[in-house]
Amino acid sequence: MGSSLNVEVDVGDGIREGRSKKSRWERVLDLREAKTQVKFAVPMVLCNVFYFSITMVSVMFAGHLGKLELAGSTLANSWATVTGFAFMTGLSGALETLCGQGFGAKMYRMLGLYLQSSCIISFLFSVIISVLWFYTEPVLVLLHQDPEISRTAALYMKYLIPGLFAYGFVQNILRFLQTQSIVLPLVLFSVIPLGIHFGIVYCLVNKTSLGFKGAPLAASISLWISFILLAIYVAFAKKFENTWRGLSFESFQHILRNLKLALPSAAMVCLEYWAFEILVFLAGLMPNSEITTSLIAICVNTETIAYMFTYGLSAAASTRVSNELGAGNPDRAKHAMAVTLKISVILAFAVVITLAFGHDIWAGFFSDSHSIIKKFAEMTPLLAVSISIDAIQGVLSGVARGSGWQHLAVWANLGTFYFIGMPIAVVLGFKFKLYVKGLWIGLICGLSCQAATLMLITLRRKWTKIDLSEGRKVETPISA
């Protein structure tokens, strides 16, 4: 009897101890919410990587044709990203607010109308950007690029113009699906075009007379294939019978409201992209520019790849926040943001640890130069800091898009990057002769101020629920 009692007491103590541990752990991280967001984020990361790979594979095939083709296609791809693809991605950010909150408010019919209005906007801006792309050669020469490389890059850009239109449409459909938490099909509809792309680019580059021109043309074809697959899926899948009811002229009535969010959203994305490109440009003005440019390019690529993981969490934060605000649950929106921030810190820590122990191996993927690998090792601590801060600001940017605060985020990005980060980078890099380290310290200052500003916005500003029926914003303060 005594032993039995002891067992019961031990079991009871174990249960109480387990509950205590569970409650302490749940106070740190809401596992249910975290699991939901991770399941959402992983497919979004994969989808982003696959679409990024389509254009990169074309550059790789073009690069194998010769040094001039490699330089031209690389320059063209960077120019296309900065002036077109990034802008199209940003324009689609309006749907993260409109469709996200509309879905949370169960105003399902509006989602299809907003998707159509966003596609109209993307088409119009694609026309404008394609004109810029058509005159790529004189623009690049004006920017002091090598004339022969500029001519090759311009040829590449002309055959990439059709892909710009498809890319804009694809990004809009991705946001339309994302805001409804339909993410697994996105992986399928991005990996299939990528798989097909290998065959298309190989045939056009190596088996036809197109040669170099076949690489960008293959990217355009693959992007159009992706758009067609996504459009067929949305048009015929039964799960969209409430959110997609076919084409409607009513969508033109929502273009202005969409533009008010789309343009600031595009500016948000472009201002950040341009800051990194400016660093590469500044590195080219330094002594030993070949080494400094290679080093800063490795750092920028490392930061970009690390941000691909943050992108998934940013999309998760945007969707969860917009859905909850649309449903009239600002407290849950704030809770979702807090969970995403905690996950982003854990993710950044994992990336930083990996980089700390494997920086030589990682740098070896980009260069065989011992001096560059050594200098990259010296940059690793600074990269660890910038990646960590970038993870936090990425989530906060997603919250801004989900809440409809794009106009505030634009001013935050403009002020922190171009009035704080870049001037510090120039002074430290050139005046104090810290070179690449100085440039990256300036970037860290910009990122830190950006993250702090966005955090201040989320804490001080009232969280809003957009009245989708009338286009007004109803101020709904979030409880502490």
Foldseek 3Di string as FASTA:
>chain_A
DVVVVVVVVVVVVVVVVVVVVVVVVVVVFVVVLLVLLVVQLVLLLLLVVLLVVLLVVLLVQQPVVDPLSNLLSVVLVLVCVLQFLLLLLLLLLLLLAVLLLCVLLVVQQVLQLQLVLSLVVQVVVLVVSLVVLLVQQVVVVVVVDDNSSSVSNSLLSNLLSLLRSLSSNLSNLQSSCLLVSNRPVSSVLSVVLSVVLVVQLCCQQPVDPCNSNSSSNSSSVSSNSSSVVSVVCCVPPPVSVRNHDDDDPCSNVCNVLSCVLSVLSSLLRSLVSVLLVVLLVVCCVDPVSVLSNLLSVLLSVLLVSLCSSLLSLLSSLSSQLLSCLSNVNNQSNVVSLVNSLSVLQVSLVVSLVCCLVCQLVSVVVRDPDPVSSVVNNVCSVLSSLQSNLSSLLSNLSSNCSSQSNSVQLSVLSCCLSPVQLQVQLCCCCPVVVPNSSSNSVSVSRSSVSSSVSSVCCVVPPFRWNAPSVVRHIDGDRHDD
